[in-house]
PDB file of N, CA and C in Angstrom:
ATOM      1  N   MET A   1     -26.281   2.642  -7.612  1.00  0.00           N
ATOM      2  CA  MET A   1     -24.909   3.139  -7.012  1.00  0.00           C
ATOM      3  C   MET A   1     -23.685   2.891  -8.202  1.00  0.00           C
ATOM      4  N   SER A   2     -23.169   4.158  -7.997  1.00  0.00           N
ATOM      5  CA  SER A   2     -22.123   4.116  -9.527  1.00  0.00           C
ATOM      6  C   SER A   2     -20.872   2.983  -8.871  1.00  0.00           C
ATOM      7  N   GLU A   3     -20.043   2.863  -9.947  1.00  0.00           N
ATOM      8  CA  GLU A   3     -18.787   1.759  -9.955  1.00  0.00           C
ATOM      9  C   GLU A   3     -17.874   2.176  -8.967  1.00  0.00           C
ATOM     10  N   ALA A   4     -17.760   3.532  -8.854  1.00  0.00           N
ATOM     11  CA  ALA A   4     -16.771   4.315  -7.744  1.00  0.00           C
ATOM     12  C   ALA A   4     -17.284   3.726  -6.670  1.00  0.00           C
ATOM     13  N   ALA A   5     -18.604   4.151  -6.080  1.00  0.00           N
ATOM     14  CA  ALA A   5     -19.225   3.989  -4.706  1.00  0.00           C
ATOM     15  C   ALA A   5     -19.150   2.320  -4.505  1.00  0.00           C
ATOM     16  N   VAL A   6     -19.318   1.555  -5.315  1.00  0.00           N
ATOM     17  CA  VAL A   6     -19.267   0.088  -5.118  1.00  0.00           C
ATOM     18  C   VAL A   6     -17.711  -0.444  -4.494  1.00  0.00           C
ATOM     19  N   LEU A   7     -16.846   0.225  -5.275  1.00  0.00           N
ATOM     20  CA  LEU A   7     -15.582  -0.048  -5.340  1.00  0.00           C
ATOM     21  C   LEU A   7     -15.284   0.522  -3.839  1.00  0.00           C
ATOM     22  N   ARG A   8     -15.700   1.783  -3.637  1.00  0.00           N
ATOM     23  CA  ARG A   8     -14.994   2.229  -2.451  1.00  0.00           C
ATOM     24  C   ARG A   8     -15.454   1.566  -1.165  1.00  0.00           C
ATOM     25  N   SER A   9     -16.774   0.855  -1.360  1.00  0.00           N
ATOM     26  CA  SER A   9     -17.304   0.249  -0.102  1.00  0.00           C
ATOM     27  C   SER A   9     -16.360  -0.974   0.177  1.00  0.00           C
ATOM     28  N   THR A  10     -15.471  -1.501  -0.689  1.00  0.00           N
ATOM     29  CA  THR A  10     -14.745  -2.610  -0.752  1.00  0.00           C
ATOM     30  C   THR A  10     -13.311  -2.109  -0.046  1.00  0.00           C
ATOM     31  N   MET A  11     -12.942  -0.800   0.171  1.00  0.00           N
ATOM     32  CA  MET A  11     -11.889  -0.300   0.564  1.00  0.00           C
ATOM     33  C   MET A  11     -11.962   0.011   2.248  1.00  0.00           C
ATOM     34  N   THR A  12     -12.001  -1.560   2.753  1.00  0.00           N
ATOM     35  CA  THR A  12     -11.594  -1.521   4.307  1.00  0.00           C
ATOM     36  C   THR A  12     -10.366  -1.228   4.918  1.00  0.00           C
ATOM     37  N   ASP A  13      -9.386  -1.345   4.092  1.00  0.00           N
ATOM     38  CA  ASP A  13      -8.148  -1.310   4.630  1.00  0.00           C
ATOM     39  C   ASP A  13      -7.716   0.093   5.041  1.00  0.00           C
ATOM     40  N   ARG A  14      -6.939   0.742   5.625  1.00  0.00           N
ATOM     41  CA  ARG A  14      -6.697   2.055   6.109  1.00  0.00           C
ATOM     42  C   ARG A  14      -5.113   2.032   5.693  1.00  0.00           C
ATOM     43  N   ALA A  15      -4.427   3.112   4.895  1.00  0.00           N
ATOM     44  CA  ALA A  15      -3.044   3.377   4.426  1.00  0.00           C
ATOM     45  C   ALA A  15      -2.290   4.668   4.940  1.00  0.00           C
ATOM     46  N   THR A  16      -1.175   4.621   5.695  1.00  0.00           N
ATOM     47  CA  THR A  16      -0.438   5.831   5.456  1.00  0.00           C
ATOM     48  C   THR A  16       0.477   5.766   4.633  1.00  0.00           C
ATOM     49  N   ILE A  17       0.842   6.756   3.579  1.00  0.00           N
ATOM     50  CA  ILE A  17       1.562   6.872   2.447  1.00  0.00           C
ATOM     51  C   ILE A  17       2.845   7.786   2.629  1.00  0.00           C
ATOM     52  N   THR A  18       3.946   7.510   2.834  1.00  0.00           N
ATOM     53  CA  THR A  18       4.894   8.807   2.753  1.00  0.00           C
ATOM     54  C   THR A  18       5.751   8.623   1.689  1.00  0.00           C
ATOM     55  N   ARG A  19       6.409   9.936   1.622  1.00  0.00           N
ATOM     56  CA  ARG A  19       7.358   9.728   0.114  1.00  0.00           C
ATOM     57  C   ARG A  19       8.379  10.746   0.493  1.00  0.00           C
ATOM     58  N   GLU A  20       9.357  10.843   0.003  1.00  0.00           N
ATOM     59  CA  GLU A  20      10.401  11.749   0.152  1.00  0.00           C
ATOM     60  C   GLU A  20      10.210  12.845  -0.875  1.00  0.00           C
ATOM     61  N   ALA A  21      10.424  14.149   0.325  1.00  0.00           N
ATOM     62  CA  ALA A  21      10.113  15.715  -0.510  1.00  0.00           C
ATOM     63  C   ALA A  21      11.467  16.535   0.100  1.00  0.00           C
ATOM     64  N   TRP A  22      11.708  17.130  -1.125  1.00  0.00           N
ATOM     65  CA  TRP A  22      12.875  18.277  -0.900  1.00  0.00           C
ATOM     66  C   TRP A  22      12.278  19.472  -0.149  1.00  0.00           C
ATOM     67  N   ASN A  23      12.748  19.744   1.060  1.00  0.00           N
ATOM     68  CA  ASN A  23      12.127  21.013   1.746  1.00  0.00           C
ATOM     69  C   ASN A  23      12.999  22.270   1.591  1.00  0.00           C
ATOM     70  N   GLY A  24      13.808  22.233   0.403  1.00  0.00           N
ATOM     71  CA  GLY A  24      14.603  23.584   0.174  1.00  0.00           C
ATOM     72  C   GLY A  24      16.170  23.277   0.667  1.00  0.00           C
ATOM     73  N   THR A  25      16.543  22.353   1.576  1.00  0.00           N
ATOM     74  CA  THR A  25      17.940  22.355   1.951  1.00  0.00           C
ATOM     75  C   THR A  25      18.172  20.656   2.220  1.00  0.00           C
ATOM     76  N   ALA A  26      17.091  19.677   2.058  1.00  0.00           N
ATOM     77  CA  ALA A  26      17.409  18.435   2.344  1.00  0.00           C
ATOM     78  C   ALA A  26      16.146  17.775   2.205  1.00  0.00           C
ATOM     79  N   TRP A  27      16.337  16.491   1.650  1.00  0.00           N
ATOM     80  CA  TRP A  27      15.429  15.505   1.707  1.00  0.00           C
ATOM     81  C   TRP A  27      14.491  15.040   2.911  1.00  0.00           C
ATOM     82  N   GLU A  28      13.395  14.837   2.990  1.00  0.00           N
ATOM     83  CA  GLU A  28      12.983  14.376   3.994  1.00  0.00           C
ATOM     84  C   GLU A  28      11.452  13.496   3.861  1.00  0.00           C
ATOM     85  N   ARG A  29      11.340  12.500   4.576  1.00  0.00           N
ATOM     86  CA  ARG A  29      10.011  11.958   4.791  1.00  0.00           C
ATOM     87  C   ARG A  29       8.865  12.543   5.088  1.00  0.00           C
ATOM     88  N   VAL A  30       8.013  12.910   4.334  1.00  0.00           N
ATOM     89  CA  VAL A  30       6.557  13.337   4.569  1.00  0.00           C
ATOM     90  C   VAL A  30       5.278  12.411   4.632  1.00  0.00           C
ATOM     91  N   VAL A  31       4.129  12.710   5.141  1.00  0.00           N
ATOM     92  CA  VAL A  31       3.204  12.105   5.182  1.00  0.00           C
ATOM     93  C   VAL A  31       2.253  12.616   3.903  1.00  0.00           C
ATOM     94  N   ALA A  32       2.055  11.788   2.957  1.00  0.00           N
ATOM     95  CA  ALA A  32       1.354  12.227   1.752  1.00  0.00           C
ATOM     96  C   ALA A  32      -0.194  11.717   1.897  1.00  0.00           C
ATOM     97  N   TYR A  33      -0.431  10.803   2.593  1.00  0.00           N
ATOM     98  CA  TYR A  33      -1.879  10.433   2.940  1.00  0.00           C
ATOM     99  C   TYR A  33      -1.706   9.768   4.387  1.00  0.00           C
ATOM    100  N   GLU A  34      -2.915   9.946   5.150  1.00  0.00           N
ATOM    101  CA  GLU A  34      -2.979   9.095   6.392  1.00  0.00           C
ATOM    102  C   GLU A  34      -4.613   8.526   6.723  1.00  0.00           C
ATOM    103  N   GLY A  35      -4.542   7.613   6.806  1.00  0.00           N
ATOM    104  CA  GLY A  35      -6.237   7.058   7.063  1.00  0.00           C
ATOM    105  C   GLY A  35      -6.884   6.837   5.459  1.00  0.00           C
ATOM    106  N   LEU A  36      -5.809   6.742   4.550  1.00  0.00           N
ATOM    107  CA  LEU A  36      -6.389   6.373   3.047  1.00  0.00           C
ATOM    108  C   LEU A  36      -7.190   5.160   3.225  1.00  0.00           C
ATOM    109  N   PRO A  37      -8.521   5.096   2.632  1.00  0.00           N
ATOM    110  CA  PRO A  37      -9.270   4.031   2.387  1.00  0.00           C
ATOM    111  C   PRO A  37      -8.530   3.380   1.462  1.00  0.00           C
ATOM    112  N   CYS A  38      -8.332   1.735   1.132  1.00  0.00           N
ATOM    113  CA  CYS A  38      -7.840   1.118   0.470  1.00  0.00           C
ATOM    114  C   CYS A  38      -8.201  -0.290   0.499  1.00  0.00           C
ATOM    115  N   ALA A  39      -7.666  -1.235  -0.487  1.00  0.00           N
ATOM    116  CA  ALA A  39      -8.027  -2.490  -0.548  1.00  0.00           C
ATOM    117  C   ALA A  39      -6.772  -3.112  -0.991  1.00  0.00           C
ATOM    118  N   LEU A  40      -6.163  -3.941  -0.374  1.00  0.00           N
ATOM    119  CA  LEU A  40      -5.215  -4.733  -0.896  1.00  0.00           C
ATOM    120  C   LEU A  40      -5.809  -6.138  -1.539  1.00  0.00           C
ATOM    121  N   SER A  41      -5.342  -6.394  -2.598  1.00  0.00           N
ATOM    122  CA  SER A  41      -5.581  -7.832  -3.364  1.00  0.00           C
ATOM    123  C   SER A  41      -4.387  -8.496  -3.694  1.00  0.00           C
ATOM    124  N   ARG A  42      -4.737  -9.708  -3.784  1.00  0.00           N
ATOM    125  CA  ARG A  42      -3.554 -11.045  -4.550  1.00  0.00           C
ATOM    126  C   ARG A  42      -4.282 -11.753  -5.583  1.00  0.00           C
ATOM    127  N   ALA A  43      -3.962 -11.569  -6.679  1.00  0.00           N
ATOM    128  CA  ALA A  43      -4.625 -12.572  -7.637  1.00  0.00           C
ATOM    129  C   ALA A  43      -4.137 -13.927  -7.285  1.00  0.00           C
ATOM    130  N   PRO A  44      -4.902 -15.102  -7.422  1.00  0.00           N
ATOM    131  CA  PRO A  44      -5.017 -16.352  -7.295  1.00  0.00           C
ATOM    132  C   PRO A  44      -3.614 -16.810  -7.711  1.00  0.00           C
ATOM    133  N   GLN A  45      -3.264 -16.472  -8.615  1.00  0.00           N
ATOM    134  CA  GLN A  45      -2.126 -17.064  -9.485  1.00  0.00           C
ATOM    135  C   GLN A  45      -0.510 -16.489  -8.990  1.00  0.00           C
ATOM    136  N   THR A  46      -0.817 -15.534  -7.859  1.00  0.00           N
ATOM    137  CA  THR A  46       0.203 -14.748  -7.377  1.00  0.00           C
ATOM    138  C   THR A  46       0.680 -15.657  -5.909  1.00  0.00           C
ATOM    139  N   PRO A  47       2.083 -15.793  -5.888  1.00  0.00           N
ATOM    140  CA  PRO A  47       2.283 -16.907  -4.914  1.00  0.00           C
ATOM    141  C   PRO A  47       2.198 -15.865  -3.461  1.00  0.00           C
ATOM    142  N   THR A  48       1.656 -16.817  -2.432  1.00  0.00           N
ATOM    143  CA  THR A  48       2.028 -16.070  -1.222  1.00  0.00           C
ATOM    144  C   THR A  48       3.126 -15.594  -0.794  1.00  0.00           C
ATOM    145  N   ALA A  49       3.015 -14.468   0.027  1.00  0.00           N
ATOM    146  CA  ALA A  49       4.429 -13.826   0.174  1.00  0.00           C
ATOM    147  C   ALA A  49       5.339 -14.864   1.122  1.00  0.00           C
ATOM    148  N   SER A  50       6.675 -14.799   0.692  1.00  0.00           N
ATOM    149  CA  SER A  50       7.609 -15.735   1.368  1.00  0.00           C
ATOM    150  C   SER A  50       8.210 -14.929   2.303  1.00  0.00           C
ATOM    151  N   ILE A  51       8.467 -15.894   3.459  1.00  0.00           N
ATOM    152  CA  ILE A  51       9.379 -15.191   4.447  1.00  0.00           C
ATOM    153  C   ILE A  51      10.924 -15.232   4.385  1.00  0.00           C
ATOM    154  N   THR A  52      11.404 -14.306   4.493  1.00  0.00           N
ATOM    155  CA  THR A  52      13.018 -14.175   4.551  1.00  0.00           C
ATOM    156  C   THR A  52      13.364 -13.736   5.830  1.00  0.00           C
ATOM    157  N   GLY A  53      14.842 -14.252   6.284  1.00  0.00           N
ATOM    158  CA  GLY A  53      15.206 -13.665   7.391  1.00  0.00           C
ATOM    159  C   GLY A  53      14.353 -14.366   8.697  1.00  0.00           C
ATOM    160  N   LEU A  54      14.336 -15.575   8.227  1.00  0.00           N
ATOM    161  CA  LEU A  54      13.372 -16.433   9.364  1.00  0.00           C
ATOM    162  C   LEU A  54      14.136 -16.506  10.827  1.00  0.00           C
ATOM    163  N   TRP A  55      15.173 -16.358  10.946  1.00  0.00           N
ATOM    164  CA  TRP A  55      15.902 -16.710  12.017  1.00  0.00           C
ATOM    165  C   TRP A  55      16.311 -15.312  12.605  1.00  0.00           C
ATOM    166  N   GLU A  56      15.762 -14.050  12.060  1.00  0.00           N
ATOM    167  CA  GLU A  56      16.193 -12.888  12.613  1.00  0.00           C
ATOM    168  C   GLU A  56      15.185 -12.715  13.672  1.00  0.00           C
ATOM    169  N   GLU A  57      15.308 -11.567  14.365  1.00  0.00           N
ATOM    170  CA  GLU A  57      14.535 -11.165  15.538  1.00  0.00           C
ATOM    171  C   GLU A  57      13.042 -10.511  14.906  1.00  0.00           C
ATOM    172  N   VAL A  58      13.030  -9.959  13.755  1.00  0.00           N
ATOM    173  CA  VAL A  58      11.905  -9.638  12.981  1.00  0.00           C
ATOM    174  C   VAL A  58      11.826 -10.132  11.727  1.00  0.00           C
ATOM    175  N   PRO A  59      11.351 -11.194  11.161  1.00  0.00           N
ATOM    176  CA  PRO A  59      11.510 -11.727   9.934  1.00  0.00           C
ATOM    177  C   PRO A  59      10.777 -10.911   9.094  1.00  0.00           C
ATOM    178  N   GLU A  60      11.473 -10.573   7.903  1.00  0.00           N
ATOM    179  CA  GLU A  60      10.945 -10.119   6.754  1.00  0.00           C
ATOM    180  C   GLU A  60      10.007 -10.809   5.741  1.00  0.00           C
ATOM    181  N   CYS A  61       9.326 -10.367   4.733  1.00  0.00           N
ATOM    182  CA  CYS A  61       8.697 -11.264   3.662  1.00  0.00           C
ATOM    183  C   CYS A  61       8.614 -10.456   2.588  1.00  0.00           C
ATOM    184  N   GLN A  62       8.689 -11.168   1.555  1.00  0.00           N
ATOM    185  CA  GLN A  62       8.507 -10.616  -0.029  1.00  0.00           C
ATOM    186  C   GLN A  62       7.379 -10.995  -0.631  1.00  0.00           C
ATOM    187  N   GLY A  63       6.684 -10.000  -1.281  1.00  0.00           N
ATOM    188  CA  GLY A  63       5.359 -10.739  -2.018  1.00  0.00           C
ATOM    189  C   GLY A  63       4.811  -9.292  -2.770  1.00  0.00           C
ATOM    190  N   GLN A  64       4.165  -9.419  -3.670  1.00  0.00           N
ATOM    191  CA  GLN A  64       3.407  -8.277  -4.375  1.00  0.00           C
ATOM    192  C   GLN A  64       2.029  -8.590  -4.553  1.00  0.00           C
ATOM    193  N   MET A  65       1.290  -7.224  -4.280  1.00  0.00           N
ATOM    194  CA  MET A  65      -0.121  -7.443  -4.173  1.00  0.00           C
ATOM    195  C   MET A  65      -0.599  -6.268  -5.102  1.00  0.00           C
ATOM    196  N   SER A  66      -1.880  -6.301  -5.216  1.00  0.00           N
ATOM    197  CA  SER A  66      -2.207  -5.002  -5.908  1.00  0.00           C
ATOM    198  C   SER A  66      -2.882  -3.966  -4.942  1.00  0.00           C
ATOM    199  N   LEU A  67      -2.605  -2.940  -4.813  1.00  0.00           N
ATOM    200  CA  LEU A  67      -3.132  -1.652  -4.067  1.00  0.00           C
ATOM    201  C   LEU A  67      -4.408  -0.783  -4.876  1.00  0.00           C
ATOM    202  N   PHE A  68      -5.624  -1.005  -4.392  1.00  0.00           N
ATOM    203  CA  PHE A  68      -6.799  -0.190  -4.754  1.00  0.00           C
ATOM    204  C   PHE A  68      -7.074   0.939  -4.053  1.00  0.00           C
ATOM    205  N   VAL A  69      -7.129   2.178  -4.620  1.00  0.00           N
ATOM    206  CA  VAL A  69      -7.302   3.474  -3.839  1.00  0.00           C
ATOM    207  C   VAL A  69      -8.332   4.132  -4.536  1.00  0.00           C
ATOM    208  N   PRO A  70      -9.058   5.323  -3.995  1.00  0.00           N
ATOM    209  CA  PRO A  70      -9.904   5.862  -4.610  1.00  0.00           C
ATOM    210  C   PRO A  70      -9.166   6.794  -5.597  1.00  0.00           C
ATOM    211  N   ARG A  71      -9.974   7.452  -6.506  1.00  0.00           N
ATOM    212  CA  ARG A  71      -9.642   7.441  -8.113  1.00  0.00           C
ATOM    213  C   ARG A  71      -8.745   8.693  -7.865  1.00  0.00           C
ATOM    214  N   ASP A  72      -8.930   9.549  -6.873  1.00  0.00           N
ATOM    215  CA  ASP A  72      -8.359  11.000  -7.071  1.00  0.00           C
ATOM    216  C   ASP A  72      -6.901  10.843  -6.356  1.00  0.00           C
ATOM    217  N   THR A  73      -6.464   9.502  -5.712  1.00  0.00           N
ATOM    218  CA  THR A  73      -5.171   9.455  -5.121  1.00  0.00           C
ATOM    219  C   THR A  73      -4.105   9.153  -6.167  1.00  0.00           C
ATOM    220  N   VAL A  74      -2.916  10.289  -5.656  1.00  0.00           N
ATOM    221  CA  VAL A  74      -1.742  10.099  -6.802  1.00  0.00           C
ATOM    222  C   VAL A  74      -0.918   9.578  -5.620  1.00  0.00           C
ATOM    223  N   LEU A  75      -0.186   8.342  -6.346  1.00  0.00           N
ATOM    224  CA  LEU A  75       0.869   7.524  -5.664  1.00  0.00           C
ATOM    225  C   LEU A  75       2.096   7.831  -6.471  1.00  0.00           C
ATOM    226  N   GLN A  76       3.309   7.743  -6.065  1.00  0.00           N
ATOM    227  CA  GLN A  76       4.510   8.001  -6.849  1.00  0.00           C
ATOM    228  C   GLN A  76       5.248   6.496  -6.681  1.00  0.00           C
ATOM    229  N   ALA A  77       6.015   6.627  -7.382  1.00  0.00           N
ATOM    230  CA  ALA A  77       6.705   4.901  -7.583  1.00  0.00           C
ATOM    231  C   ALA A  77       7.966   5.198  -6.495  1.00  0.00           C
ATOM    232  N   GLY A  78       7.832   4.433  -5.525  1.00  0.00           N
ATOM    233  CA  GLY A  78       8.976   4.567  -4.245  1.00  0.00           C
ATOM    234  C   GLY A  78       8.076   4.909  -3.020  1.00  0.00           C
ATOM    235  N   ASP A  79       6.974   5.541  -2.970  1.00  0.00           N
ATOM    236  CA  ASP A  79       5.948   5.779  -1.805  1.00  0.00           C
ATOM    237  C   ASP A  79       5.976   4.557  -0.923  1.00  0.00           C
ATOM    238  N   ARG A  80       6.350   4.835   0.163  1.00  0.00           N
ATOM    239  CA  ARG A  80       6.253   3.569   1.258  1.00  0.00           C
ATOM    240  C   ARG A  80       4.927   3.983   2.043  1.00  0.00           C
ATOM    241  N   ALA A  81       4.269   2.555   2.121  1.00  0.00           N
ATOM    242  CA  ALA A  81       2.711   2.403   2.746  1.00  0.00           C
ATOM    243  C   ALA A  81       2.955   1.524   3.799  1.00  0.00           C
ATOM    244  N   GLU A  82       2.081   1.740   4.794  1.00  0.00           N
ATOM    245  CA  GLU A  82       2.051   1.170   6.063  1.00  0.00           C
ATOM    246  C   GLU A  82       0.379   0.990   6.144  1.00  0.00           C
ATOM    247  N   ILE A  83      -0.049  -0.142   5.750  1.00  0.00           N
ATOM    248  CA  ILE A  83      -1.389  -0.483   5.616  1.00  0.00           C
ATOM    249  C   ILE A  83      -2.115  -1.579   6.957  1.00  0.00           C
ATOM    250  N   ARG A  84      -2.907  -0.972   7.545  1.00  0.00           N
ATOM    251  CA  ARG A  84      -3.508  -1.660   8.382  1.00  0.00           C
ATOM    252  C   ARG A  84      -4.902  -2.558   7.985  1.00  0.00           C
ATOM    253  N   ARG A  85      -4.940  -3.825   8.626  1.00  0.00           N
ATOM    254  CA  ARG A  85      -5.735  -4.538   7.914  1.00  0.00           C
ATOM    255  C   ARG A  85      -6.086  -5.927   8.837  1.00  0.00           C
ATOM    256  N   GLU A  86      -7.352  -6.071   9.455  1.00  0.00           N
ATOM    257  CA  GLU A  86      -7.586  -7.372  10.211  1.00  0.00           C
ATOM    258  C   GLU A  86      -6.552  -7.540  11.285  1.00  0.00           C
ATOM    259  N   GLY A  87      -6.136  -6.537  12.146  1.00  0.00           N
ATOM    260  CA  GLY A  87      -5.197  -6.848  13.312  1.00  0.00           C
ATOM    261  C   GLY A  87      -3.737  -7.106  12.907  1.00  0.00           C
ATOM    262  N   GLN A  88      -3.231  -6.640  11.427  1.00  0.00           N
ATOM    263  CA  GLN A  88      -2.035  -6.606  10.927  1.00  0.00           C
ATOM    264  C   GLN A  88      -1.463  -5.271  10.451  1.00  0.00           C
ATOM    265  N   VAL A  89      -0.316  -5.098  10.408  1.00  0.00           N
ATOM    266  CA  VAL A  89       0.025  -3.947   9.630  1.00  0.00           C
ATOM    267  C   VAL A  89       1.183  -4.455   8.611  1.00  0.00           C
ATOM    268  N   LEU A  90       0.649  -4.233   7.396  1.00  0.00           N
ATOM    269  CA  LEU A  90       1.612  -4.468   6.185  1.00  0.00           C
ATOM    270  C   LEU A  90       2.426  -3.226   5.749  1.00  0.00           C
ATOM    271  N   LEU A  91       3.902  -3.579   5.657  1.00  0.00           N
ATOM    272  CA  LEU A  91       4.623  -2.577   5.502  1.00  0.00           C
ATOM    273  C   LEU A  91       5.263  -2.836   3.890  1.00  0.00           C
ATOM    274  N   GLY A  92       5.673  -1.822   3.069  1.00  0.00           N
ATOM    275  CA  GLY A  92       6.000  -2.119   1.775  1.00  0.00           C
ATOM    276  C   GLY A  92       6.052  -0.650   0.710  1.00  0.00           C
ATOM    277  N   ILE A  93       6.345  -1.002  -0.287  1.00  0.00           N
ATOM    278  CA  ILE A  93       6.470   0.103  -1.142  1.00  0.00           C
ATOM    279  C   ILE A  93       5.724  -0.034  -2.394  1.00  0.00           C
ATOM    280  N   CYS A  94       5.223   1.166  -2.953  1.00  0.00           N
ATOM    281  CA  CYS A  94       4.384   1.378  -3.828  1.00  0.00           C
ATOM    282  C   CYS A  94       4.863   1.824  -5.160  1.00  0.00           C
ATOM    283  N   SER A  95       4.193   1.216  -6.605  1.00  0.00           N
ATOM    284  CA  SER A  95       4.687   1.865  -7.689  1.00  0.00           C
ATOM    285  C   SER A  95       3.837   3.142  -8.023  1.00  0.00           C
ATOM    286  N   ALA A  96       3.911   3.720  -8.796  1.00  0.00           N
ATOM    287  CA  ALA A  96       3.144   4.687  -9.409  1.00  0.00           C
ATOM    288  C   ALA A  96       1.335   4.193  -9.583  1.00  0.00           C
ATOM    289  N   ALA A  97       0.513   4.760  -9.154  1.00  0.00           N
ATOM    290  CA  ALA A  97      -0.874   4.497  -9.432  1.00  0.00           C
ATOM    291  C   ALA A  97      -1.413   4.803 -10.848  1.00  0.00           C
ATOM    292  N   LEU A  98      -1.996   3.566 -11.405  1.00  0.00           N
ATOM    293  CA  LEU A  98      -2.493   3.861 -12.631  1.00  0.00           C
ATOM    294  C   LEU A  98      -4.025   4.486 -12.406  1.00  0.00           C
ATOM    295  N   PRO A  99      -4.574   5.500 -13.002  1.00  0.00           N
ATOM    296  CA  PRO A  99      -5.838   6.012 -12.609  1.00  0.00           C
ATOM    297  C   PRO A  99      -6.812   5.440 -13.784  1.00  0.00           C
ATOM    298  N   TYR A 100      -8.032   5.013 -13.184  1.00  0.00           N
ATOM    299  CA  TYR A 100      -9.058   5.050 -14.003  1.00  0.00           C
ATOM    300  C   TYR A 100     -10.055   5.689 -13.577  1.00  0.00           C
ATOM    301  N   PRO A 101     -11.257   5.669 -14.468  1.00  0.00           N
ATOM    302  CA  PRO A 101     -12.333   6.600 -13.848  1.00  0.00           C
ATOM    303  C   PRO A 101     -13.129   6.357 -12.580  1.00  0.00           C
ATOM    304  N   SER A 102     -12.891   5.227 -12.049  1.00  0.00           N
ATOM    305  CA  SER A 102     -13.643   4.567 -10.802  1.00  0.00           C
ATOM    306  C   SER A 102     -12.878   4.511  -9.711  1.00  0.00           C
ATOM    307  N   HIS A 103     -11.572   4.126  -9.841  1.00  0.00           N
ATOM    308  CA  HIS A 103     -10.353   4.096  -9.020  1.00  0.00           C
ATOM    309  C   HIS A 103      -9.068   4.128  -9.440  1.00  0.00           C
ATOM    310  N   GLY A 104      -8.081   3.864  -8.617  1.00  0.00           N
ATOM    311  CA  GLY A 104      -6.753   3.912  -9.098  1.00  0.00           C
ATOM    312  C   GLY A 104      -6.015   2.629  -8.427  1.00  0.00           C
ATOM    313  N   VAL A 105      -4.849   2.211  -9.184  1.00  0.00           N
ATOM    314  CA  VAL A 105      -4.473   0.826  -8.585  1.00  0.00           C
ATOM    315  C   VAL A 105      -3.223   1.043  -8.834  1.00  0.00           C
ATOM    316  N   ALA A 106      -2.115   0.508  -7.924  1.00  0.00           N
ATOM    317  CA  ALA A 106      -0.690   0.340  -7.856  1.00  0.00           C
ATOM    318  C   ALA A 106      -0.387  -0.997  -7.474  1.00  0.00           C
ATOM    319  N   ARG A 107       0.929  -1.458  -7.724  1.00  0.00           N
ATOM    320  CA  ARG A 107       1.639  -2.459  -7.111  1.00  0.00           C
ATOM    321  C   ARG A 107       2.117  -2.346  -5.783  1.00  0.00           C
ATOM    322  N   PHE A 108       2.105  -2.928  -4.893  1.00  0.00           N
ATOM    323  CA  PHE A 108       2.375  -3.234  -3.330  1.00  0.00           C
ATOM    324  C   PHE A 108       3.341  -4.232  -3.527  1.00  0.00           C
ATOM    325  N   PHE A 109       4.614  -3.679  -2.883  1.00  0.00           N
ATOM    326  CA  PHE A 109       5.846  -4.645  -2.882  1.00  0.00           C
ATOM    327  C   PHE A 109       6.005  -4.727  -1.101  1.00  0.00           C
ATOM    328  N   LEU A 110       5.147  -6.018  -0.670  1.00  0.00           N
ATOM    329  CA  LEU A 110       5.328  -6.307   0.640  1.00  0.00           C
ATOM    330  C   LEU A 110       6.936  -6.543   1.127  1.00  0.00           C
ATOM    331  N   THR A 111       7.107  -5.943   2.080  1.00  0.00           N
ATOM    332  CA  THR A 111       8.692  -6.245   2.666  1.00  0.00           C
ATOM    333  C   THR A 111       8.240  -6.487   4.690  1.00  0.00           C
ATOM    334  N   GLU A 112       7.249  -6.225   5.126  1.00  0.00           N
ATOM    335  CA  GLU A 112       7.001  -6.551   6.460  1.00  0.00           C
ATOM    336  C   GLU A 112       5.791  -6.864   6.862  1.00  0.00           C
ATOM    337  N   VAL A 113       5.346  -7.738   7.900  1.00  0.00           N
ATOM    338  CA  VAL A 113       4.277  -7.953   8.352  1.00  0.00           C
ATOM    339  C   VAL A 113       4.349  -7.696   9.684  1.00  0.00           C
ATOM    340  N   LYS A 114       3.552  -7.067  10.630  1.00  0.00           N
ATOM    341  CA  LYS A 114       3.706  -6.942  12.192  1.00  0.00           C
ATOM    342  C   LYS A 114       2.139  -7.102  12.462  1.00  0.00           C
ATOM    343  N   ALA A 115       1.957  -7.336  13.906  1.00  0.00           N
ATOM    344  CA  ALA A 115       0.827  -7.301  14.702  1.00  0.00           C
ATOM    345  C   ALA A 115       0.364  -5.833  14.969  1.00  0.00           C
ATOM    346  N   ALA A 116      -1.110  -5.484  14.764  1.00  0.00           N
ATOM    347  CA  ALA A 116      -1.372  -4.029  14.918  1.00  0.00           C
ATOM    348  C   ALA A 116      -1.402  -3.761  16.236  1.00  0.00           C
TER     349      ALA A 116
END
């Protein structure tokens, strides 16, 4: 089994990626990827996401994770991601993806966690 196939088997999360695009007259948010296989990862030395706005109706959070995607995925800085995993929806902003021969990886800046 190739390295890309092994990594792809770990991508059990699913993402919808949106970005701003010019339609000729105005900027609009468009879906770049839907149902994209991916894997979120947090290095052991990375602090757990911290909750902000604790007393608000919908608490927000802050945190950084790595987002692993298939190698042909092109993420742009500022893309918005909605990632579904294990009964949760994680919302955040992506960096540009760094391409590797077997996968791509981007930083994911977590802003909100909701129940799926």
